[in-house]
Amino acid sequence: MAQDNLRVWQPLHADVRAKLDPEYVAFHDQYMQYVQPDDLKIWDGAARTQPSLPPGGIPPVPVGNTREFQVGEFQLRAYTPTGESDARGWPVLIWFHGGGWAIGGLDDNKDFCTFLCQVDYRLAPENPFPAAVNDSVDALRWVASSPSELGTIDASRIALGGTSAGATLAIVAALSAVDSSVALPLATPSLPNVIPHPPVSLLLVVPVVDNTATADGVWKRNAATAPWLTPARMEWYRKLYFTNNKERSGWDASPNFAPKSLLKGLPATWMAVSDQDILAPEAESFGEQLKELGVKVDIASIAGGTHSILSLSGKIAKGKKMMEDAANHLKGVFES
């Protein structure tokens, strides 16, 4: 595809080019630099039907069947593996897609699915915070109830995961299951809080953790150089998601502010952090916060990686390796 006459919207910062994975640099120079950032457009919802990130994933993995469910005000898509489960039933990964709480949907991250219950939570700005949190917590409660629609599942082996904004929702959903007597700050899920077995793992890819972070503070290390997800773009997402700045500091928006009594009850956590992502410092800090509270945390640091590492797993070898490492973590958790 000839790019000679296209405008360069997102050139790589000179100071970061040598730090980035060479495969990412090549892909960015060929495609991504010519894409107009969403935060420079007038919001009209088109970002949901016209993805701004060039295709970069691997072909979807064949599965036994794919089904979709409407639960309350949100949707889920369940991918079931081929073959038969063991006597316990299939273990479950509930996956929350990314997209800054405003874009994305059920078709995201198909290549990351084996058995995946992907939650298409309500999106901002039509459904601002805490709608997505309500849907995510309700998704866990629904799956944990072993609904007949899902067939033979093992509710004692449920993991929660997500990428970017979806990772925030996964963490909050997990926190909501630690102690049913502790109410979320602002979210009000609709389904009963009856979870016989707590989640067995958290699987987080380039997570958003602290919605009070700024370019002059937590993000400072990569704020001026990080490609694609810039401070301006992150703030654009936040303004679509939050109607009041005070909402950002509640732990259902920024889980790093959750009570220690809840944080220390989180399950074994696997976290992928791209070192050139603006979100890297908050993710690393959250990992250390959990470790100090006795939570088992495995941080996979991706040298030269960016925020789009999962979406480009078909173009970037380190992205494919990250997917394999995440799958191996889940396999170990589910088999133990």
Protein backbone atom coordinates (compact mmCIF):
# COMPACT_ATOMS: atom_id res chain seq x y z
CA MET A 1 0.00 0.00 0.00
CA ALA A 2 1.58 3.26 -1.12
CA GLN A 3 1.75 5.87 1.64
CA ASP A 4 3.60 8.60 -0.27
CA ASN A 5 0.77 11.15 -0.22
CA LEU A 6 -0.63 10.43 3.24
CA ARG A 7 -0.26 12.73 6.21
CA VAL A 8 1.94 11.54 9.05
CA TRP A 9 -0.18 11.89 12.19
CA GLN A 10 1.82 9.82 14.65
CA PRO A 11 5.57 9.91 13.98
CA LEU A 12 7.76 8.07 16.45
CA HIS A 13 9.59 10.32 18.90
CA ALA A 14 13.29 10.43 18.07
CA ASP A 15 14.24 9.53 21.64
CA VAL A 16 12.21 6.31 21.68
CA ARG A 17 12.86 4.85 18.23
CA ALA A 18 16.04 3.01 19.28
CA LYS A 19 14.33 1.64 22.41
CA LEU A 20 11.43 0.04 20.55
CA ASP A 21 11.23 -3.48 19.19
CA PRO A 22 12.45 -3.29 15.55
CA GLU A 23 9.39 -5.21 14.33
CA TYR A 24 7.14 -2.64 15.95
CA VAL A 25 9.12 0.22 14.41
CA ALA A 26 8.73 -1.29 10.94
CA PHE A 27 4.98 -1.79 11.38
CA HIS A 28 4.51 1.68 12.83
CA ASP A 29 6.45 3.33 10.01
CA GLN A 30 4.50 1.40 7.38
CA TYR A 31 1.00 1.80 8.82
CA MET A 32 0.41 3.31 12.23
CA GLN A 33 2.02 6.70 11.74
CA TYR A 34 -0.53 7.51 9.04
CA VAL A 35 -3.57 6.90 11.26
CA GLN A 36 -5.32 9.95 12.70
CA PRO A 37 -5.61 9.54 16.49
CA ASP A 38 -9.14 9.20 17.85
CA ASP A 39 -8.57 12.03 20.30
CA LEU A 40 -8.14 14.47 17.37
CA LYS A 41 -11.55 13.59 15.92
CA ILE A 42 -14.99 14.77 16.90
CA TRP A 43 -16.73 11.92 18.74
CA ASP A 44 -19.46 10.35 16.62
CA GLY A 45 -19.12 6.67 17.51
CA ALA A 46 -17.30 5.83 14.25
CA ALA A 47 -14.27 4.56 16.20
CA ARG A 48 -16.31 1.48 17.12
CA THR A 49 -17.02 0.45 13.53
CA GLN A 50 -13.84 1.79 11.90
CA PRO A 51 -10.95 0.53 14.06
CA SER A 52 -8.05 2.95 14.11
CA LEU A 53 -5.41 0.28 14.75
CA PRO A 54 -4.31 -1.54 11.57
CA PRO A 55 -4.97 -5.31 11.62
CA GLY A 56 -2.08 -7.09 13.31
CA GLY A 57 -3.37 -10.20 15.06
CA ILE A 58 -3.01 -13.87 14.21
CA PRO A 59 -5.85 -15.99 12.73
CA PRO A 60 -8.43 -17.03 15.36
CA VAL A 61 -7.83 -20.41 16.98
CA PRO A 62 -10.40 -23.08 15.94
CA VAL A 63 -12.91 -23.77 18.72
CA GLY A 64 -15.67 -26.30 19.34
CA ASN A 65 -18.46 -23.74 19.31
CA THR A 66 -19.16 -20.06 19.74
CA ARG A 67 -22.27 -18.71 21.41
CA GLU A 68 -23.49 -15.28 22.48
CA PHE A 69 -25.67 -14.39 25.44
CA GLN A 70 -27.53 -11.30 26.56
CA VAL A 71 -27.24 -10.91 30.34
CA GLY A 72 -29.01 -7.88 31.73
CA GLU A 73 -27.73 -4.90 29.75
CA PHE A 74 -24.53 -6.47 28.44
CA GLN A 75 -23.49 -9.28 26.11
CA LEU A 76 -21.07 -12.17 26.44
CA ARG A 77 -19.52 -14.42 23.84
CA ALA A 78 -18.48 -17.90 24.95
CA TYR A 79 -15.83 -19.85 23.08
CA THR A 80 -15.72 -23.56 23.98
CA PRO A 81 -12.68 -25.68 23.00
CA THR A 82 -12.89 -28.71 20.77
CA GLY A 83 -13.07 -32.12 22.44
CA GLU A 84 -14.50 -33.01 25.82
CA SER A 85 -13.83 -31.49 29.22
CA ASP A 86 -12.68 -33.62 32.13
CA ALA A 87 -15.12 -34.71 34.82
CA ARG A 88 -14.96 -31.33 36.53
CA GLY A 89 -16.09 -29.37 33.47
CA TRP A 90 -14.32 -26.65 31.51
CA PRO A 91 -12.33 -24.04 33.41
CA VAL A 92 -13.28 -20.48 32.43
CA LEU A 93 -11.46 -17.29 31.54
CA ILE A 94 -13.70 -14.24 31.63
CA TRP A 95 -12.04 -11.68 29.38
CA PHE A 96 -12.78 -7.94 29.24
CA HIS A 97 -11.77 -6.22 26.01
CA GLY A 98 -9.86 -2.94 25.94
CA GLY A 99 -10.73 0.33 24.24
CA GLY A 100 -10.69 3.01 26.91
CA TRP A 101 -14.19 2.05 28.10
CA ALA A 102 -15.55 3.70 24.91
CA ILE A 103 -14.61 1.49 21.94
CA GLY A 104 -14.02 -2.19 21.25
CA GLY A 105 -16.41 -5.14 21.40
CA LEU A 106 -16.94 -8.87 21.12
CA ASP A 107 -14.79 -9.21 18.00
CA ASP A 108 -11.67 -7.93 19.79
CA ASN A 109 -8.88 -10.38 20.74
CA LYS A 110 -10.35 -13.40 18.92
CA ASP A 111 -6.85 -14.78 18.56
CA PHE A 112 -6.50 -14.84 22.35
CA CYS A 113 -9.48 -17.11 22.89
CA THR A 114 -9.55 -20.80 23.76
CA PHE A 115 -12.43 -20.99 26.17
CA LEU A 116 -13.30 -17.36 26.55
CA CYS A 117 -16.34 -15.65 27.93
CA GLN A 118 -15.76 -12.18 26.54
CA VAL A 119 -17.86 -9.44 28.04
CA ASP A 120 -19.20 -6.69 25.78
CA TYR A 121 -19.87 -4.23 28.59
CA ARG A 122 -21.78 -1.01 27.98
CA LEU A 123 -19.59 1.72 26.53
CA ALA A 124 -19.09 5.41 27.22
CA PRO A 125 -20.06 8.13 26.52
CA GLU A 126 -23.62 6.78 26.15
CA ASN A 127 -23.08 4.66 29.27
CA PRO A 128 -20.49 6.40 31.46
CA PHE A 129 -18.84 5.13 34.62
CA PRO A 130 -19.84 3.01 36.50
CA ALA A 131 -21.91 1.14 33.87
CA ALA A 132 -18.93 -0.90 32.63
CA VAL A 133 -18.00 -1.82 36.20
CA ASN A 134 -21.55 -2.95 36.97
CA ASP A 135 -21.56 -5.14 33.87
CA SER A 136 -18.16 -6.64 34.62
CA VAL A 137 -19.02 -7.54 38.20
CA ASP A 138 -22.37 -8.97 37.07
CA ALA A 139 -20.58 -11.00 34.40
CA LEU A 140 -18.47 -12.70 37.08
CA ARG A 141 -21.52 -13.30 39.26
CA TRP A 142 -23.45 -14.79 36.34
CA VAL A 143 -20.67 -17.15 35.24
CA ALA A 144 -19.96 -18.15 38.85
CA SER A 145 -23.58 -19.24 39.21
CA SER A 146 -22.92 -21.99 36.61
CA PRO A 147 -25.83 -21.02 34.35
CA SER A 148 -27.18 -23.86 32.26
CA GLU A 149 -26.65 -21.82 29.11
CA LEU A 150 -22.87 -22.24 29.45
CA GLY A 151 -23.03 -26.02 29.63
CA THR A 152 -20.57 -27.97 31.73
CA ILE A 153 -18.20 -25.51 33.39
CA ASP A 154 -16.16 -25.73 36.57
CA ALA A 155 -17.07 -22.67 38.63
CA SER A 156 -14.21 -23.42 41.01
CA ARG A 157 -11.77 -22.59 38.20
CA ILE A 158 -12.67 -19.13 36.96
CA ALA A 159 -9.94 -16.69 35.97
CA LEU A 160 -10.47 -13.03 35.13
CA GLY A 161 -8.50 -11.11 32.55
CA GLY A 162 -8.44 -8.10 30.32
CA THR A 163 -6.30 -5.73 28.34
CA SER A 164 -5.90 -2.01 29.00
CA ALA A 165 -9.25 -0.64 30.22
CA GLY A 166 -10.58 -4.19 30.31
CA ALA A 167 -7.87 -5.09 32.80
CA THR A 168 -9.21 -2.42 35.17
CA LEU A 169 -12.62 -4.06 35.02
CA ALA A 170 -11.11 -7.50 35.63
CA ILE A 171 -9.30 -6.28 38.76
CA VAL A 172 -12.40 -4.57 40.15
CA ALA A 173 -14.55 -7.63 39.45
CA ALA A 174 -12.01 -9.76 41.31
CA LEU A 175 -11.95 -7.31 44.23
CA SER A 176 -15.74 -7.45 44.41
CA ALA A 177 -15.52 -11.19 45.04
CA VAL A 178 -13.05 -10.98 47.93
CA ASP A 179 -15.52 -9.80 50.59
CA SER A 180 -19.24 -9.56 49.82
CA SER A 181 -19.76 -7.26 52.80
CA VAL A 182 -17.64 -4.48 51.26
CA ALA A 183 -19.61 -2.32 48.86
CA LEU A 184 -18.08 -0.84 45.72
CA PRO A 185 -17.60 2.95 46.04
CA LEU A 186 -20.01 3.96 43.27
CA ALA A 187 -20.91 0.90 41.21
CA THR A 188 -24.15 -0.95 41.91
CA PRO A 189 -24.23 -4.35 40.18
CA SER A 190 -27.68 -5.87 39.74
CA LEU A 191 -27.07 -9.61 40.16
CA PRO A 192 -26.82 -11.20 43.64
CA ASN A 193 -23.33 -11.43 45.06
CA VAL A 194 -23.23 -15.20 45.42
CA ILE A 195 -19.81 -16.48 44.35
CA PRO A 196 -19.15 -19.94 45.84
CA HIS A 197 -15.53 -19.95 44.68
CA PRO A 198 -13.30 -16.87 44.34
CA PRO A 199 -11.47 -16.35 41.03
CA VAL A 200 -8.29 -18.42 40.79
CA SER A 201 -6.23 -15.95 38.76
CA LEU A 202 -5.97 -12.50 37.24
CA LEU A 203 -4.51 -12.18 33.73
CA LEU A 204 -3.69 -8.56 32.94
CA VAL A 205 -2.23 -7.17 29.71
CA VAL A 206 -0.92 -3.57 29.70
CA PRO A 207 -3.46 -2.68 32.42
CA VAL A 208 -4.95 0.66 33.34
CA VAL A 209 -4.73 0.73 37.14
CA ASP A 210 -4.64 4.35 38.30
CA ASN A 211 -7.08 6.78 36.69
CA THR A 212 -5.55 9.67 38.63
CA ALA A 213 -2.17 9.22 36.88
CA THR A 214 -0.84 12.18 34.88
CA ALA A 215 1.98 13.02 32.48
CA ASP A 216 3.70 15.06 35.19
CA GLY A 217 3.34 12.31 37.75
CA VAL A 218 3.03 8.54 37.39
CA TRP A 219 3.36 8.55 33.60
CA LYS A 220 6.38 10.90 33.48
CA ARG A 221 8.88 8.22 32.45
CA ASN A 222 7.28 7.59 29.04
CA ALA A 223 4.83 10.48 28.75
CA ALA A 224 6.69 12.37 26.03
CA THR A 225 7.75 9.40 23.93
CA ALA A 226 5.18 6.57 24.16
CA PRO A 227 3.66 5.78 20.75
CA TRP A 228 -0.05 5.34 20.03
CA LEU A 229 -1.43 5.66 23.57
CA THR A 230 -0.37 9.18 24.51
CA PRO A 231 -1.39 11.15 27.61
CA ALA A 232 -3.75 13.19 25.40
CA ARG A 233 -5.41 10.07 24.06
CA MET A 234 -5.75 8.54 27.53
CA GLU A 235 -7.31 11.72 28.85
CA TRP A 236 -9.71 11.74 25.88
CA TYR A 237 -10.91 8.27 26.91
CA ARG A 238 -11.29 9.37 30.51
CA LYS A 239 -13.42 12.36 29.60
CA LEU A 240 -15.77 10.05 27.69
CA TYR A 241 -15.91 7.59 30.58
CA PHE A 242 -16.11 9.78 33.67
CA THR A 243 -18.74 12.48 34.18
CA ASN A 244 -17.09 13.76 37.35
CA ASN A 245 -13.36 13.94 38.04
CA LYS A 246 -13.95 12.83 41.64
CA GLU A 247 -15.04 9.43 40.33
CA ARG A 248 -11.51 8.70 39.18
CA SER A 249 -10.12 8.19 42.69
CA GLY A 250 -12.62 5.57 43.83
CA TRP A 251 -11.22 2.04 43.82
CA ASP A 252 -13.86 0.89 41.34
CA ALA A 253 -12.13 3.29 38.91
CA SER A 254 -8.56 3.08 40.25
CA PRO A 255 -8.13 -0.32 41.95
CA ASN A 256 -4.75 0.63 43.40
CA PHE A 257 -6.75 2.65 45.97
CA ALA A 258 -8.75 -0.37 47.17
CA PRO A 259 -8.52 -1.29 50.87
CA LYS A 260 -5.57 -3.48 51.74
CA SER A 261 -7.99 -6.05 53.14
CA LEU A 262 -9.37 -6.55 49.62
CA LEU A 263 -6.12 -6.23 47.69
CA LYS A 264 -4.41 -8.93 49.73
CA GLY A 265 -7.26 -11.28 48.84
CA LEU A 266 -6.64 -11.08 45.10
CA PRO A 267 -5.67 -14.33 43.37
CA ALA A 268 -2.38 -15.18 41.68
CA THR A 269 -1.78 -12.44 39.14
CA TRP A 270 0.05 -12.54 35.81
CA MET A 271 0.71 -9.15 34.30
CA ALA A 272 2.25 -8.18 30.94
CA VAL A 273 3.88 -4.74 30.96
CA SER A 274 5.32 -3.07 27.86
CA ASP A 275 8.23 -0.92 28.96
CA GLN A 276 7.54 1.86 26.41
CA ASP A 277 3.84 2.14 27.30
CA ILE A 278 2.76 5.24 29.27
CA LEU A 279 0.91 2.85 31.60
CA ALA A 280 4.03 0.83 32.46
CA PRO A 281 4.85 2.69 35.71
CA GLU A 282 1.36 2.33 37.18
CA ALA A 283 1.24 -1.37 36.30
CA GLU A 284 4.67 -2.01 37.82
CA SER A 285 3.74 -0.07 40.94
CA PHE A 286 0.52 -2.07 41.31
CA GLY A 287 2.46 -5.31 40.97
CA GLU A 288 4.81 -4.29 43.78
CA GLN A 289 1.85 -3.14 45.88
CA LEU A 290 0.29 -6.59 45.60
CA LYS A 291 3.57 -8.40 46.27
CA GLU A 292 4.02 -6.44 49.51
CA LEU A 293 0.57 -7.65 50.58
CA GLY A 294 1.50 -11.27 49.93
CA VAL A 295 -0.22 -11.75 46.56
CA LYS A 296 1.64 -13.97 44.12
CA VAL A 297 2.49 -11.73 41.14
CA ASP A 298 4.36 -12.59 37.96
CA ILE A 299 5.26 -9.54 35.87
CA ALA A 300 6.27 -10.20 32.26
CA SER A 301 8.19 -7.11 31.19
CA ILE A 302 8.33 -6.70 27.42
CA ALA A 303 11.41 -4.77 26.35
CA GLY A 304 10.65 -2.40 23.48
CA GLY A 305 6.94 -3.17 23.76
CA THR A 306 4.11 -0.67 23.36
CA HIS A 307 0.50 -0.45 24.46
CA SER A 308 -0.63 -2.23 21.27
CA ILE A 309 1.40 -5.39 21.99
CA LEU A 310 -1.60 -7.73 22.13
CA SER A 311 -3.30 -6.31 19.04
CA LEU A 312 -0.10 -6.79 17.03
CA SER A 313 0.64 -10.35 18.13
CA GLY A 314 0.58 -11.45 14.49
CA LYS A 315 3.22 -8.89 13.51
CA ILE A 316 5.45 -8.68 16.57
CA ALA A 317 7.19 -11.85 17.77
CA LYS A 318 7.22 -10.57 21.34
CA GLY A 319 3.45 -10.16 21.17
CA LYS A 320 3.03 -13.80 20.14
CA LYS A 321 5.43 -14.88 22.91
CA MET A 322 3.39 -12.85 25.40
CA MET A 323 0.23 -14.72 24.35
CA GLU A 324 1.97 -18.06 24.80
CA ASP A 325 3.27 -17.06 28.25
CA ALA A 326 -0.22 -15.97 29.32
CA ALA A 327 -1.68 -19.26 28.11
CA ASN A 328 0.98 -21.22 30.00
CA HIS A 329 0.17 -19.29 33.17
CA LEU A 330 -3.51 -20.15 32.82
CA LYS A 331 -2.73 -23.78 32.10
CA GLY A 332 -0.68 -24.01 35.26
CA VAL A 333 -3.39 -22.34 37.36
CA PHE A 334 -6.18 -24.49 35.96
CA GLU A 335 -4.23 -27.72 36.34
CA SER A 336 -3.16 -27.09 39.93
